[in-house]
Amino acid sequence: MLLFWILWGIDAVISLVLLYFFFVGLADGSVSSYNMGLWSLIVIGIGAIMLGSLWLKSHQYLYLADIVLAILAVPGLLYGLFLLMILITKPRWN
């Protein structure tokens, strides 16, 4: 049960970051009719992961709900660790 809420919290943070970039893109015009289809699929997919995991948990499929949440949480954590490594080690890119 604790793993579910940890993964759900990580996914919630990732979702908030994605929605922030979506709304900022709408405001400055970088999200336009040209790429609105891609953005719509991404936002719907994130919503499906978040709501689908809650539905699975409420129907006592906790293991399956953890797997669904891990689809988004694992790449998000790996990217966060990559950024942390870049900040700590300050590599030279030339």
C-alpha atoms as a PDB file:
ATOM      1  CA  MET A   1       0.000   0.000   0.000  1.00  0.00           C
ATOM      2  CA  LEU A   2       2.849   2.382   0.826  1.00  0.00           C
ATOM      3  CA  LEU A   3       4.501   1.697  -2.547  1.00  0.00           C
ATOM      4  CA  PHE A   4       1.274   2.663  -4.296  1.00  0.00           C
ATOM      5  CA  TRP A   5       1.129   6.069  -2.617  1.00  0.00           C
ATOM      6  CA  ILE A   6       4.831   6.732  -3.192  1.00  0.00           C
ATOM      7  CA  LEU A   7       4.464   5.945  -6.899  1.00  0.00           C
ATOM      8  CA  TRP A   8       1.230   7.944  -7.072  1.00  0.00           C
ATOM      9  CA  GLY A   9       2.941  10.951  -5.498  1.00  0.00           C
ATOM     10  CA  ILE A  10       5.827  10.763  -7.973  1.00  0.00           C
ATOM     11  CA  ASP A  11       3.344  10.518 -10.840  1.00  0.00           C
ATOM     12  CA  ALA A  12       1.384  13.470  -9.455  1.00  0.00           C
ATOM     13  CA  VAL A  13       4.511  15.635  -9.461  1.00  0.00           C
ATOM     14  CA  ILE A  14       5.329  14.555 -13.023  1.00  0.00           C
ATOM     15  CA  SER A  15       1.753  15.302 -14.061  1.00  0.00           C
ATOM     16  CA  LEU A  16       1.879  18.770 -12.533  1.00  0.00           C
ATOM     17  CA  VAL A  17       5.116  19.545 -14.381  1.00  0.00           C
ATOM     18  CA  LEU A  18       3.588  18.350 -17.644  1.00  0.00           C
ATOM     19  CA  LEU A  19       0.430  20.413 -17.113  1.00  0.00           C
ATOM     20  CA  TYR A  20       2.537  23.457 -16.264  1.00  0.00           C
ATOM     21  CA  PHE A  21       4.404  23.191 -19.570  1.00  0.00           C
ATOM     22  CA  PHE A  22       1.121  22.560 -21.393  1.00  0.00           C
ATOM     23  CA  PHE A  23      -0.553  25.702 -20.054  1.00  0.00           C
ATOM     24  CA  VAL A  24       2.553  27.837 -20.495  1.00  0.00           C
ATOM     25  CA  GLY A  25       2.720  26.573 -24.074  1.00  0.00           C
ATOM     26  CA  LEU A  26      -0.903  27.521 -24.607  1.00  0.00           C
ATOM     27  CA  ALA A  27      -0.203  31.000 -23.271  1.00  0.00           C
ATOM     28  CA  ASP A  28       2.852  31.694 -25.413  1.00  0.00           C
ATOM     29  CA  GLY A  29       1.600  29.970 -28.548  1.00  0.00           C
ATOM     30  CA  SER A  30       4.086  27.102 -28.720  1.00  0.00           C
ATOM     31  CA  VAL A  31       1.194  24.653 -28.229  1.00  0.00           C
ATOM     32  CA  SER A  32      -0.787  25.337 -31.358  1.00  0.00           C
ATOM     33  CA  SER A  33      -3.123  23.488 -33.683  1.00  0.00           C
ATOM     34  CA  TYR A  34      -0.054  21.968 -35.338  1.00  0.00           C
ATOM     35  CA  ASN A  35       0.928  19.919 -32.277  1.00  0.00           C
ATOM     36  CA  MET A  36      -2.299  19.956 -30.268  1.00  0.00           C
ATOM     37  CA  GLY A  37      -2.989  16.330 -31.188  1.00  0.00           C
ATOM     38  CA  LEU A  38       0.270  15.176 -29.619  1.00  0.00           C
ATOM     39  CA  TRP A  39      -0.294  17.253 -26.512  1.00  0.00           C
ATOM     40  CA  SER A  40      -3.841  15.923 -26.207  1.00  0.00           C
ATOM     41  CA  LEU A  41      -2.617  12.330 -26.362  1.00  0.00           C
ATOM     42  CA  ILE A  42       0.035  13.008 -23.729  1.00  0.00           C
ATOM     43  CA  VAL A  43      -2.400  14.718 -21.338  1.00  0.00           C
ATOM     44  CA  ILE A  44      -5.029  11.996 -21.844  1.00  0.00           C
ATOM     45  CA  GLY A  45      -2.398   9.294 -21.298  1.00  0.00           C
ATOM     46  CA  ILE A  46      -1.213  10.878 -18.056  1.00  0.00           C
ATOM     47  CA  GLY A  47      -4.807  11.181 -16.872  1.00  0.00           C
ATOM     48  CA  ALA A  48      -5.484   7.556 -17.795  1.00  0.00           C
ATOM     49  CA  ILE A  49      -2.485   6.404 -15.768  1.00  0.00           C
ATOM     50  CA  MET A  50      -3.469   8.445 -12.725  1.00  0.00           C
ATOM     51  CA  LEU A  51      -7.194   7.640 -12.754  1.00  0.00           C
ATOM     52  CA  GLY A  52      -6.689   4.059 -13.944  1.00  0.00           C
ATOM     53  CA  SER A  53      -4.386   3.310 -11.043  1.00  0.00           C
ATOM     54  CA  LEU A  54      -6.936   4.675  -8.572  1.00  0.00           C
ATOM     55  CA  TRP A  55      -9.653   2.570 -10.202  1.00  0.00           C
ATOM     56  CA  LEU A  56      -7.478  -0.552 -10.011  1.00  0.00           C
ATOM     57  CA  LYS A  57      -6.676   0.128  -6.350  1.00  0.00           C
ATOM     58  CA  SER A  58     -10.350   0.579  -5.504  1.00  0.00           C
ATOM     59  CA  HIS A  59     -11.115  -2.796  -7.120  1.00  0.00           C
ATOM     60  CA  GLN A  60      -8.364  -4.546  -5.099  1.00  0.00           C
ATOM     61  CA  TYR A  61      -5.856  -4.921  -7.959  1.00  0.00           C
ATOM     62  CA  LEU A  62      -3.056  -3.252  -6.020  1.00  0.00           C
ATOM     63  CA  TYR A  63      -0.190  -5.075  -7.759  1.00  0.00           C
ATOM     64  CA  LEU A  64      -1.524  -4.141 -11.196  1.00  0.00           C
ATOM     65  CA  ALA A  65      -2.056  -0.542 -10.042  1.00  0.00           C
ATOM     66  CA  ASP A  66       1.601  -0.392  -8.962  1.00  0.00           C
ATOM     67  CA  ILE A  67       2.694  -1.604 -12.390  1.00  0.00           C
ATOM     68  CA  VAL A  68       0.555   1.026 -14.117  1.00  0.00           C
ATOM     69  CA  LEU A  69       2.019   3.764 -11.927  1.00  0.00           C
ATOM     70  CA  ALA A  70       5.548   2.499 -12.544  1.00  0.00           C
ATOM     71  CA  ILE A  71       5.090   3.142 -16.284  1.00  0.00           C
ATOM     72  CA  LEU A  72       5.410   6.857 -15.557  1.00  0.00           C
ATOM     73  CA  ALA A  73       7.319   6.883 -12.269  1.00  0.00           C
ATOM     74  CA  VAL A  74      10.385   4.879 -13.299  1.00  0.00           C
ATOM     75  CA  PRO A  75      11.377   7.057 -16.301  1.00  0.00           C
ATOM     76  CA  GLY A  76      10.587  10.171 -14.269  1.00  0.00           C
ATOM     77  CA  LEU A  77      12.829   9.047 -11.416  1.00  0.00           C
ATOM     78  CA  LEU A  78      15.627   8.102 -13.806  1.00  0.00           C
ATOM     79  CA  TYR A  79      15.444  11.516 -15.451  1.00  0.00           C
ATOM     80  CA  GLY A  80      15.425  13.201 -12.049  1.00  0.00           C
ATOM     81  CA  LEU A  81      18.529  11.231 -11.033  1.00  0.00           C
ATOM     82  CA  PHE A  82      20.197  12.217 -14.314  1.00  0.00           C
ATOM     83  CA  LEU A  83      19.525  15.903 -13.624  1.00  0.00           C
ATOM     84  CA  LEU A  84      20.796  15.524 -10.066  1.00  0.00           C
ATOM     85  CA  MET A  85      23.970  13.892 -11.362  1.00  0.00           C
ATOM     86  CA  ILE A  86      24.479  16.763 -13.826  1.00  0.00           C
ATOM     87  CA  LEU A  87      24.043  19.329 -11.056  1.00  0.00           C
ATOM     88  CA  ILE A  88      26.419  17.554  -8.684  1.00  0.00           C
ATOM     89  CA  THR A  89      29.236  16.552 -11.061  1.00  0.00           C
ATOM     90  CA  LYS A  90      29.166  19.648 -13.357  1.00  0.00           C
ATOM     91  CA  PRO A  91      30.499  17.783 -16.410  1.00  0.00           C
ATOM     92  CA  ARG A  92      32.257  19.421 -19.321  1.00  0.00           C
ATOM     93  CA  TRP A  93      30.268  18.897 -22.514  1.00  0.00           C
ATOM     94  CA  ASN A  94      32.959  19.893 -25.032  1.00  0.00           C
END
